[in-house]
C-alpha atoms as a PDB file:
ATOM      1  CA  MET A   1      -0.392   0.101  -0.216  1.00  0.00           C
ATOM      2  CA  SER A   2       1.749   3.525  -0.875  1.00  0.00           C
ATOM      3  CA  HIS A   3       1.255   6.325   1.127  1.00  0.00           C
ATOM      4  CA  ALA A   4       1.423  10.402   0.162  1.00  0.00           C
ATOM      5  CA  PRO A   5       4.858  11.979   0.813  1.00  0.00           C
ATOM      6  CA  ALA A   6       5.261  12.731   4.445  1.00  0.00           C
ATOM      7  CA  MET A   7       4.357  17.060   4.950  1.00  0.00           C
ATOM      8  CA  PRO A   8       7.935  18.977   5.036  1.00  0.00           C
ATOM      9  CA  ALA A   9       8.804  19.252   8.314  1.00  0.00           C
ATOM     10  CA  ALA A  10       9.230  23.604   8.380  1.00  0.00           C
ATOM     11  CA  MET A  11       5.716  23.078   7.175  1.00  0.00           C
ATOM     12  CA  ALA A  12       4.192  21.065   9.294  1.00  0.00           C
ATOM     13  CA  ALA A  13       5.749  23.049  12.420  1.00  0.00           C
ATOM     14  CA  ALA A  14       4.350  26.299  11.138  1.00  0.00           C
ATOM     15  CA  MET A  15       0.849  24.619  10.609  1.00  0.00           C
ATOM     16  CA  ALA A  16       1.354  23.638  13.605  1.00  0.00           C
ATOM     17  CA  GLY A  17       2.378  27.563  14.845  1.00  0.00           C
ATOM     18  CA  LEU A  18      -1.110  28.499  13.333  1.00  0.00           C
ATOM     19  CA  ALA A  19      -2.863  25.815  15.193  1.00  0.00           C
ATOM     20  CA  VAL A  20      -2.267  27.230  18.146  1.00  0.00           C
ATOM     21  CA  ASP A  21      -3.748  30.793  17.299  1.00  0.00           C
ATOM     22  CA  ALA A  22      -6.451  29.067  15.328  1.00  0.00           C
ATOM     23  CA  LYS A  23      -7.338  26.856  18.332  1.00  0.00           C
ATOM     24  CA  SER A  24      -8.811  29.937  20.540  1.00  0.00           C
ATOM     25  CA  SER A  25     -10.798  30.843  17.577  1.00  0.00           C
ATOM     26  CA  LEU A  26     -12.206  28.070  16.966  1.00  0.00           C
ATOM     27  CA  ILE A  27     -13.432  27.369  20.684  1.00  0.00           C
ATOM     28  CA  ALA A  28     -14.774  31.386  20.770  1.00  0.00           C
ATOM     29  CA  GLN A  29     -17.095  30.140  17.486  1.00  0.00           C
ATOM     30  CA  VAL A  30     -17.891  26.764  19.397  1.00  0.00           C
ATOM     31  CA  ASP A  31     -18.774  28.734  22.757  1.00  0.00           C
ATOM     32  CA  ALA A  32     -21.107  31.163  20.148  1.00  0.00           C
ATOM     33  CA  VAL A  33     -23.123  28.002  19.055  1.00  0.00           C
ATOM     34  CA  GLU A  34     -23.421  26.994  22.379  1.00  0.00           C
ATOM     35  CA  ALA A  35     -25.037  30.046  23.595  1.00  0.00           C
ATOM     36  CA  VAL A  36     -27.670  29.791  21.081  1.00  0.00           C
ATOM     37  CA  ALA A  37     -28.431  26.027  21.685  1.00  0.00           C
ATOM     38  CA  VAL A  38     -28.572  27.363  25.467  1.00  0.00           C
ATOM     39  CA  ARG A  39     -31.336  30.528  25.165  1.00  0.00           C
ATOM     40  CA  ALA A  40     -32.784  27.242  22.572  1.00  0.00           C
ATOM     41  CA  LEU A  41     -33.128  25.389  26.550  1.00  0.00           C
ATOM     42  CA  GLN A  42     -35.059  27.906  27.493  1.00  0.00           C
ATOM     43  CA  SER A  43     -37.425  29.489  25.153  1.00  0.00           C
ATOM     44  CA  PRO A  44     -37.509  28.682  20.785  1.00  0.00           C
ATOM     45  CA  VAL A  45     -35.026  30.727  18.873  1.00  0.00           C
ATOM     46  CA  PRO A  46     -36.069  31.744  15.445  1.00  0.00           C
ATOM     47  CA  VAL A  47     -34.375  31.820  12.218  1.00  0.00           C
ATOM     48  CA  HIS A  48     -33.458  35.229  11.865  1.00  0.00           C
ATOM     49  CA  ASP A  49     -32.213  35.782  15.321  1.00  0.00           C
ATOM     50  CA  PRO A  50     -29.599  37.456  14.949  1.00  0.00           C
ATOM     51  CA  GLU A  51     -27.854  34.810  17.729  1.00  0.00           C
ATOM     52  CA  ARG A  52     -28.927  32.569  15.648  1.00  0.00           C
ATOM     53  CA  VAL A  53     -27.775  33.619  12.638  1.00  0.00           C
ATOM     54  CA  ASP A  54     -23.853  34.602  14.083  1.00  0.00           C
ATOM     55  CA  ALA A  55     -24.303  31.230  15.740  1.00  0.00           C
ATOM     56  CA  LEU A  56     -25.013  29.514  12.121  1.00  0.00           C
ATOM     57  CA  ARG A  57     -21.652  31.245  10.561  1.00  0.00           C
ATOM     58  CA  CYS A  58     -19.807  30.167  13.380  1.00  0.00           C
ATOM     59  CA  ALA A  59     -20.849  26.214  12.580  1.00  0.00           C
ATOM     60  CA  HIS A  60     -20.097  27.239   8.631  1.00  0.00           C
ATOM     61  CA  ARG A  61     -15.905  28.424   9.650  1.00  0.00           C
ATOM     62  CA  VAL A  62     -15.947  26.133  11.757  1.00  0.00           C
ATOM     63  CA  ALA A  63     -16.746  23.157   9.416  1.00  0.00           C
ATOM     64  CA  GLY A  64     -14.806  24.507   7.296  1.00  0.00           C
ATOM     65  CA  THR A  65     -11.485  24.827   9.003  1.00  0.00           C
ATOM     66  CA  ALA A  66     -10.527  22.842  11.701  1.00  0.00           C
ATOM     67  CA  GLY A  67      -9.766  19.404   9.353  1.00  0.00           C
ATOM     68  CA  ALA A  68      -7.310  21.506   7.300  1.00  0.00           C
ATOM     69  CA  PHE A  69      -5.566  21.927  10.778  1.00  0.00           C
ATOM     70  CA  GLY A  70      -6.268  18.065  11.410  1.00  0.00           C
ATOM     71  CA  TRP A  71      -9.460  18.465  13.758  1.00  0.00           C
ATOM     72  CA  HIS A  72     -11.448  16.208  11.365  1.00  0.00           C
ATOM     73  CA  GLU A  73     -14.273  15.362  14.640  1.00  0.00           C
ATOM     74  CA  ALA A  74     -14.313  18.716  15.090  1.00  0.00           C
ATOM     75  CA  SER A  75     -14.956  19.792  11.773  1.00  0.00           C
ATOM     76  CA  ALA A  76     -17.272  17.044  11.177  1.00  0.00           C
ATOM     77  CA  LEU A  77     -19.873  17.713  14.349  1.00  0.00           C
ATOM     78  CA  LEU A  78     -20.040  20.870  13.417  1.00  0.00           C
ATOM     79  CA  ARG A  79     -21.347  20.513  10.108  1.00  0.00           C
ATOM     80  CA  GLU A  80     -23.600  18.450  11.842  1.00  0.00           C
ATOM     81  CA  ALA A  81     -24.754  22.339  13.752  1.00  0.00           C
ATOM     82  CA  GLU A  82     -24.500  23.694  10.855  1.00  0.00           C
ATOM     83  CA  ALA A  83     -27.052  22.038   9.376  1.00  0.00           C
ATOM     84  CA  LEU A  84     -29.127  21.782  12.502  1.00  0.00           C
ATOM     85  CA  LEU A  85     -28.743  25.843  12.804  1.00  0.00           C
ATOM     86  CA  GLU A  86     -29.863  26.317   8.959  1.00  0.00           C
ATOM     87  CA  ALA A  87     -33.019  24.491   8.995  1.00  0.00           C
ATOM     88  CA  ASP A  88     -36.484  26.395   9.221  1.00  0.00           C
ATOM     89  CA  GLY A  89     -38.965  27.057  11.677  1.00  0.00           C
ATOM     90  CA  PRO A  90     -37.486  27.527  15.336  1.00  0.00           C
ATOM     91  CA  LEU A  91     -34.802  26.198  17.633  1.00  0.00           C
ATOM     92  CA  ASP A  92     -36.007  23.994  20.418  1.00  0.00           C
ATOM     93  CA  ASP A  93     -35.708  22.110  22.495  1.00  0.00           C
ATOM     94  CA  ASP A  94     -34.486  18.670  21.084  1.00  0.00           C
ATOM     95  CA  ALA A  95     -32.519  20.902  18.715  1.00  0.00           C
ATOM     96  CA  ALA A  96     -30.657  22.717  20.862  1.00  0.00           C
ATOM     97  CA  VAL A  97     -29.866  19.432  23.495  1.00  0.00           C
ATOM     98  CA  ALA A  98     -28.705  18.585  20.281  1.00  0.00           C
ATOM     99  CA  LEU A  99     -25.947  20.972  19.515  1.00  0.00           C
ATOM    100  CA  CYS A 100     -25.154  20.701  22.855  1.00  0.00           C
ATOM    101  CA  GLU A 101     -24.147  17.431  23.006  1.00  0.00           C
ATOM    102  CA  LEU A 102     -21.921  18.140  19.238  1.00  0.00           C
ATOM    103  CA  VAL A 103     -20.641  20.861  20.895  1.00  0.00           C
ATOM    104  CA  GLU A 104     -18.838  19.053  23.896  1.00  0.00           C
ATOM    105  CA  THR A 105     -17.179  16.497  22.008  1.00  0.00           C
ATOM    106  CA  ALA A 106     -15.837  19.133  19.613  1.00  0.00           C
ATOM    107  CA  ARG A 107     -14.297  20.791  22.159  1.00  0.00           C
ATOM    108  CA  GLY A 108     -12.915  18.068  23.285  1.00  0.00           C
ATOM    109  CA  ASP A 109     -11.817  17.492  19.963  1.00  0.00           C
ATOM    110  CA  LEU A 110     -10.057  20.773  19.718  1.00  0.00           C
ATOM    111  CA  ALA A 111      -8.837  20.561  23.107  1.00  0.00           C
ATOM    112  CA  ARG A 112      -5.812  17.722  21.380  1.00  0.00           C
ATOM    113  CA  PRO A 113      -2.735  18.964  19.986  1.00  0.00           C
ATOM    114  CA  PRO A 114      -3.679  19.188  16.295  1.00  0.00           C
ATOM    115  CA  SER A 115      -2.748  16.452  13.734  1.00  0.00           C
ATOM    116  CA  PRO A 116      -2.137  17.309  10.433  1.00  0.00           C
ATOM    117  CA  GLY A 117       0.153  14.833   9.303  1.00  0.00           C
ATOM    118  CA  ASP A 118       0.478  14.453   5.765  1.00  0.00           C
ATOM    119  CA  GLY A 119      -2.546  16.926   5.257  1.00  0.00           C
ATOM    120  CA  THR A 120      -4.919  14.136   4.681  1.00  0.00           C
ATOM    121  CA  ILE A 121      -8.790  14.226   5.376  1.00  0.00           C
ATOM    122  CA  PRO A 122     -10.953  10.625   6.782  1.00  0.00           C
ATOM    123  CA  GLN A 123     -12.638   9.788   2.432  1.00  0.00           C
ATOM    124  CA  GLN A 124     -15.765  12.035   2.384  1.00  0.00           C
ATOM    125  CA  GLN A 125     -19.307  11.843   0.558  1.00  0.00           C
ATOM    126  CA  GLY A 126     -20.338  14.068  -1.924  1.00  0.00           C
ATOM    127  CA  PRO A 127     -19.364  15.342  -5.545  1.00  0.00           C
ATOM    128  CA  PRO A 128     -16.710  14.733  -7.275  1.00  0.00           C
ATOM    129  CA  ALA A 129     -14.117  18.048  -7.288  1.00  0.00           C
ATOM    130  CA  PHE A 130     -13.026  19.267 -10.503  1.00  0.00           C
ATOM    131  CA  ALA A 131     -10.440  17.507 -12.924  1.00  0.00           C
ATOM    132  CA  PRO A 132      -6.820  17.800 -11.317  1.00  0.00           C
ATOM    133  CA  LEU A 133      -5.089  21.163 -12.465  1.00  0.00           C
ATOM    134  CA  GLU A 134      -3.961  20.697 -15.522  1.00  0.00           C
ATOM    135  CA  PRO A 135      -1.307  23.652 -17.569  1.00  0.00           C
ATOM    136  CA  LEU A 136      -3.046  26.456 -19.100  1.00  0.00           C
ATOM    137  CA  ALA A 137      -4.148  26.173 -22.788  1.00  0.00           C
ATOM    138  CA  THR A 138      -2.966  29.652 -23.548  1.00  0.00           C
ATOM    139  CA  PRO A 139       0.250  31.001 -22.371  1.00  0.00           C
ATOM    140  CA  PRO A 140       0.033  33.091 -19.710  1.00  0.00           C
ATOM    141  CA  SER A 141       0.228  37.387 -21.213  1.00  0.00           C
ATOM    142  CA  ALA A 142       3.071  39.397 -20.832  1.00  0.00           C
ATOM    143  CA  PRO A 143       2.565  40.964 -17.624  1.00  0.00           C
ATOM    144  CA  ASP A 144       1.456  45.186 -17.424  1.00  0.00           C
ATOM    145  CA  ALA A 145       3.853  46.844 -16.611  1.00  0.00           C
ATOM    146  CA  GLN A 146       1.770  48.571 -13.379  1.00  0.00           C
ATOM    147  CA  ALA A 147       0.783  45.049 -11.758  1.00  0.00           C
ATOM    148  CA  ALA A 148       2.817  43.517  -9.703  1.00  0.00           C
ATOM    149  CA  THR A 149       4.350  40.214  -9.610  1.00  0.00           C
ATOM    150  CA  VAL A 150       2.526  37.535  -7.457  1.00  0.00           C
ATOM    151  CA  ASP A 151       2.225  33.444  -7.627  1.00  0.00           C
ATOM    152  CA  VAL A 152      -0.631  33.863  -5.637  1.00  0.00           C
ATOM    153  CA  VAL A 153      -3.880  35.440  -4.752  1.00  0.00           C
ATOM    154  CA  VAL A 154      -5.823  33.777  -1.862  1.00  0.00           C
ATOM    155  CA  VAL A 155      -9.649  35.377  -1.442  1.00  0.00           C
ATOM    156  CA  GLU A 156     -10.626  33.876   1.978  1.00  0.00           C
ATOM    157  CA  ASP A 157     -12.868  35.469   4.351  1.00  0.00           C
ATOM    158  CA  ASP A 158     -12.222  32.846   7.471  1.00  0.00           C
ATOM    159  CA  LEU A 159      -8.536  34.770   8.389  1.00  0.00           C
ATOM    160  CA  ILE A 160      -7.829  31.743  10.566  1.00  0.00           C
ATOM    161  CA  LEU A 161      -8.475  29.286   6.742  1.00  0.00           C
ATOM    162  CA  GLY A 162      -6.673  32.971   4.758  1.00  0.00           C
ATOM    163  CA  ALA A 163      -3.170  32.606   6.980  1.00  0.00           C
ATOM    164  CA  LEU A 164      -2.622  29.196   6.851  1.00  0.00           C
ATOM    165  CA  LEU A 165      -3.102  29.238   2.584  1.00  0.00           C
ATOM    166  CA  CYS A 166      -1.101  31.825   2.755  1.00  0.00           C
ATOM    167  CA  GLN A 167       1.918  29.862   4.893  1.00  0.00           C
ATOM    168  CA  VAL A 168       1.368  27.250   2.781  1.00  0.00           C
ATOM    169  CA  VAL A 169       1.817  29.096  -0.560  1.00  0.00           C
ATOM    170  CA  THR A 170       4.557  30.707   0.663  1.00  0.00           C
ATOM    171  CA  ASP A 171       6.623  28.047   2.705  1.00  0.00           C
ATOM    172  CA  MET A 172       6.808  26.499  -1.269  1.00  0.00           C
ATOM    173  CA  GLY A 173       8.812  29.485  -2.714  1.00  0.00           C
ATOM    174  CA  LEU A 174       5.483  31.422  -4.514  1.00  0.00           C
ATOM    175  CA  SER A 175       4.564  34.980  -3.402  1.00  0.00           C
ATOM    176  CA  VAL A 176       1.447  35.359  -2.265  1.00  0.00           C
ATOM    177  CA  GLN A 177      -1.711  38.328  -1.254  1.00  0.00           C
ATOM    178  CA  HIS A 178      -4.271  37.997   0.361  1.00  0.00           C
ATOM    179  CA  CYS A 179      -7.930  39.285  -0.352  1.00  0.00           C
ATOM    180  CA  GLU A 180     -10.450  39.254   2.808  1.00  0.00           C
ATOM    181  CA  ASP A 181     -13.511  40.309   1.081  1.00  0.00           C
ATOM    182  CA  GLY A 182     -14.925  39.827  -3.341  1.00  0.00           C
ATOM    183  CA  VAL A 183     -14.560  43.726  -3.415  1.00  0.00           C
ATOM    184  CA  SER A 184     -11.145  43.928  -2.772  1.00  0.00           C
ATOM    185  CA  ALA A 185     -10.376  41.092  -5.138  1.00  0.00           C
ATOM    186  CA  LEU A 186     -12.079  42.632  -7.838  1.00  0.00           C
ATOM    187  CA  GLY A 187      -9.892  45.884  -6.895  1.00  0.00           C
ATOM    188  CA  LEU A 188      -6.932  44.021  -6.804  1.00  0.00           C
ATOM    189  CA  LEU A 189      -7.316  41.499  -9.981  1.00  0.00           C
ATOM    190  CA  ALA A 190      -9.838  43.110 -12.282  1.00  0.00           C
ATOM    191  CA  GLY A 191     -10.626  46.204 -14.611  1.00  0.00           C
ATOM    192  CA  ALA A 192      -8.390  47.373 -17.357  1.00  0.00           C
ATOM    193  CA  GLU A 193      -5.559  48.367 -15.032  1.00  0.00           C
ATOM    194  CA  PRO A 194      -5.808  45.206 -12.493  1.00  0.00           C
ATOM    195  CA  LEU A 195      -2.509  45.958  -9.937  1.00  0.00           C
ATOM    196  CA  ALA A 196      -1.815  42.022  -9.838  1.00  0.00           C
ATOM    197  CA  ARG A 197      -1.301  39.862 -12.515  1.00  0.00           C
ATOM    198  CA  PRO A 198      -0.929  36.366 -10.712  1.00  0.00           C
ATOM    199  CA  ARG A 199      -1.232  32.849 -11.726  1.00  0.00           C
ATOM    200  CA  LEU A 200      -3.214  31.293  -9.985  1.00  0.00           C
ATOM    201  CA  VAL A 201      -6.794  32.623  -7.608  1.00  0.00           C
ATOM    202  CA  LEU A 202      -7.388  30.177  -4.531  1.00  0.00           C
ATOM    203  CA  LEU A 203     -11.229  31.689  -4.463  1.00  0.00           C
ATOM    204  CA  ASP A 204     -13.883  30.868  -1.659  1.00  0.00           C
ATOM    205  CA  ILE A 205     -17.649  30.668  -2.979  1.00  0.00           C
ATOM    206  CA  ASP A 206     -18.904  32.201   0.143  1.00  0.00           C
ATOM    207  CA  LEU A 207     -17.880  35.313   0.761  1.00  0.00           C
ATOM    208  CA  PRO A 208     -19.578  38.568   2.239  1.00  0.00           C
ATOM    209  CA  GLY A 209     -21.145  41.285   0.165  1.00  0.00           C
ATOM    210  CA  ARG A 210     -20.036  39.578  -3.172  1.00  0.00           C
ATOM    211  CA  SER A 211     -19.675  36.278  -3.766  1.00  0.00           C
ATOM    212  CA  GLY A 212     -16.873  34.449  -5.089  1.00  0.00           C
ATOM    213  CA  LEU A 213     -19.220  33.032  -8.209  1.00  0.00           C
ATOM    214  CA  SER A 214     -19.463  36.982  -8.771  1.00  0.00           C
ATOM    215  CA  VAL A 215     -15.891  37.556  -8.732  1.00  0.00           C
ATOM    216  CA  LEU A 216     -15.263  34.595 -11.837  1.00  0.00           C
ATOM    217  CA  ARG A 217     -17.742  36.572 -13.885  1.00  0.00           C
ATOM    218  CA  VAL A 218     -16.104  39.574 -13.396  1.00  0.00           C
ATOM    219  CA  LEU A 219     -12.391  37.990 -13.846  1.00  0.00           C
ATOM    220  CA  GLN A 220     -13.625  35.887 -17.145  1.00  0.00           C
ATOM    221  CA  ARG A 221     -14.794  38.660 -18.496  1.00  0.00           C
ATOM    222  CA  ASP A 222     -11.679  41.004 -17.267  1.00  0.00           C
ATOM    223  CA  ARG A 223     -10.001  37.778 -19.208  1.00  0.00           C
ATOM    224  CA  VAL A 224      -8.152  36.777 -16.420  1.00  0.00           C
ATOM    225  CA  THR A 225      -8.994  33.276 -16.566  1.00  0.00           C
ATOM    226  CA  ARG A 226      -7.032  33.365 -19.567  1.00  0.00           C
ATOM    227  CA  SER A 227      -3.915  33.953 -18.149  1.00  0.00           C
ATOM    228  CA  ALA A 228      -4.307  32.503 -13.844  1.00  0.00           C
ATOM    229  CA  SER A 229      -6.367  29.281 -13.324  1.00  0.00           C
ATOM    230  CA  VAL A 230      -8.904  29.675 -10.208  1.00  0.00           C
ATOM    231  CA  ILE A 231      -9.510  27.065  -7.548  1.00  0.00           C
ATOM    232  CA  MET A 232     -12.921  27.549  -5.886  1.00  0.00           C
ATOM    233  CA  LEU A 233     -13.245  26.364  -2.430  1.00  0.00           C
ATOM    234  CA  SER A 234     -16.526  25.816  -0.822  1.00  0.00           C
ATOM    235  CA  SER A 235     -17.622  23.361   2.220  1.00  0.00           C
ATOM    236  CA  ARG A 236     -21.543  23.571   1.344  1.00  0.00           C
ATOM    237  CA  SER A 237     -21.632  23.993  -2.705  1.00  0.00           C
ATOM    238  CA  GLY A 238     -23.980  21.499  -5.176  1.00  0.00           C
ATOM    239  CA  ALA A 239     -23.913  20.664  -8.417  1.00  0.00           C
ATOM    240  CA  ASP A 240     -24.901  23.673 -10.325  1.00  0.00           C
ATOM    241  CA  ASP A 241     -22.419  26.104  -8.945  1.00  0.00           C
ATOM    242  CA  ARG A 242     -19.597  23.850  -9.777  1.00  0.00           C
ATOM    243  CA  GLU A 243     -21.087  23.680 -12.842  1.00  0.00           C
ATOM    244  CA  LEU A 244     -21.741  27.725 -13.173  1.00  0.00           C
ATOM    245  CA  ALA A 245     -17.735  27.586 -11.742  1.00  0.00           C
ATOM    246  CA  THR A 246     -16.928  25.676 -14.455  1.00  0.00           C
ATOM    247  CA  GLU A 247     -18.452  27.101 -17.172  1.00  0.00           C
ATOM    248  CA  LEU A 248     -17.321  30.881 -16.069  1.00  0.00           C
ATOM    249  CA  GLY A 249     -13.113  29.493 -15.820  1.00  0.00           C
ATOM    250  CA  ALA A 250     -12.905  27.850 -12.812  1.00  0.00           C
ATOM    251  CA  THR A 251     -10.036  25.468 -13.466  1.00  0.00           C
ATOM    252  CA  SER A 252     -10.497  23.068  -9.974  1.00  0.00           C
ATOM    253  CA  PHE A 253     -12.967  22.442  -6.772  1.00  0.00           C
ATOM    254  CA  LEU A 254     -11.597  22.385  -3.033  1.00  0.00           C
ATOM    255  CA  SER A 255     -14.758  20.905  -0.951  1.00  0.00           C
ATOM    256  CA  LYS A 256     -13.875  22.322   2.103  1.00  0.00           C
ATOM    257  CA  PRO A 257     -12.279  20.571   4.510  1.00  0.00           C
ATOM    258  CA  PHE A 258      -9.698  20.174   1.728  1.00  0.00           C
ATOM    259  CA  ALA A 259      -6.566  18.465   3.066  1.00  0.00           C
ATOM    260  CA  ILE A 260      -3.099  20.870   2.698  1.00  0.00           C
ATOM    261  CA  ARG A 261      -1.630  17.622  -0.095  1.00  0.00           C
ATOM    262  CA  ASP A 262      -4.463  19.227  -1.750  1.00  0.00           C
ATOM    263  CA  VAL A 263      -3.611  22.631  -2.010  1.00  0.00           C
ATOM    264  CA  THR A 264       0.317  21.798  -2.236  1.00  0.00           C
ATOM    265  CA  ASP A 265      -0.499  19.743  -5.427  1.00  0.00           C
ATOM    266  CA  HIS A 266      -2.183  22.315  -7.665  1.00  0.00           C
ATOM    267  CA  LEU A 267       0.833  24.515  -6.574  1.00  0.00           C
ATOM    268  CA  GLN A 268       4.072  22.000  -6.993  1.00  0.00           C
ATOM    269  CA  LEU A 269       2.424  23.019 -11.047  1.00  0.00           C
ATOM    270  CA  LEU A 270       3.072  26.722 -10.102  1.00  0.00           C
ATOM    271  CA  VAL A 271       6.663  25.832  -8.630  1.00  0.00           C
ATOM    272  CA  ARG A 272       7.644  23.315 -11.794  1.00  0.00           C
ATOM    273  CA  SER A 273       6.750  26.135 -13.655  1.00  0.00           C
ATOM    274  CA  PRO A 274       9.049  28.841 -15.749  1.00  0.00           C
END
């Protein structure tokens, strides 16, 4: 039985350092889920209650981020919590009890040291990812004289996951720039005179304000997708989103929580190319 090569020691050490900083944020977001569950034990919490909406956002982020650091159980449990929080109707006693149980177990998983290992994650059900990243059919155009030279742009609103992705990119000797939302990404990448012309864009679908698919549509219009590969990141996109992303020029798709190995495999193409 063959095994993937071990993650380089320097990268593993960097991830461990980021995990220490990430843990407190992840636990705080789990606490937010627990808080709304405790409220629901007293009286039902309606769908559009601000605390419930915030708890849903927190569950979504932990589900998509914890697994990348090696907290796979916490990631799976918060995925279940997310489903309970986004269900129609008030959050009742039964859902509240289930949420409390999920949170308690997830907090226990987060209490142990992360174990990213070689960056693998347990096999998950769901639609397959897009085809593996291939070299662009059209050679990259000559960089604009006024555009900054950067290898990778990461568009991710979760600061923990964004920092992890940027660390992985820089550990592979590539330059990176991080955008936290779609508007700032378009300010950097789109228009007649873009500020940067990257070779790869890691683009989250679930962005505040302007979705990743909306950003991708503009990138296709401005021909950015002809000179840069675009990998879409998402934790809950269906087949329709995947099909639309492909039509708009996305090269590949990574479902959260993804393995760091999946990211490094894509980046290896950039390392090997001139």
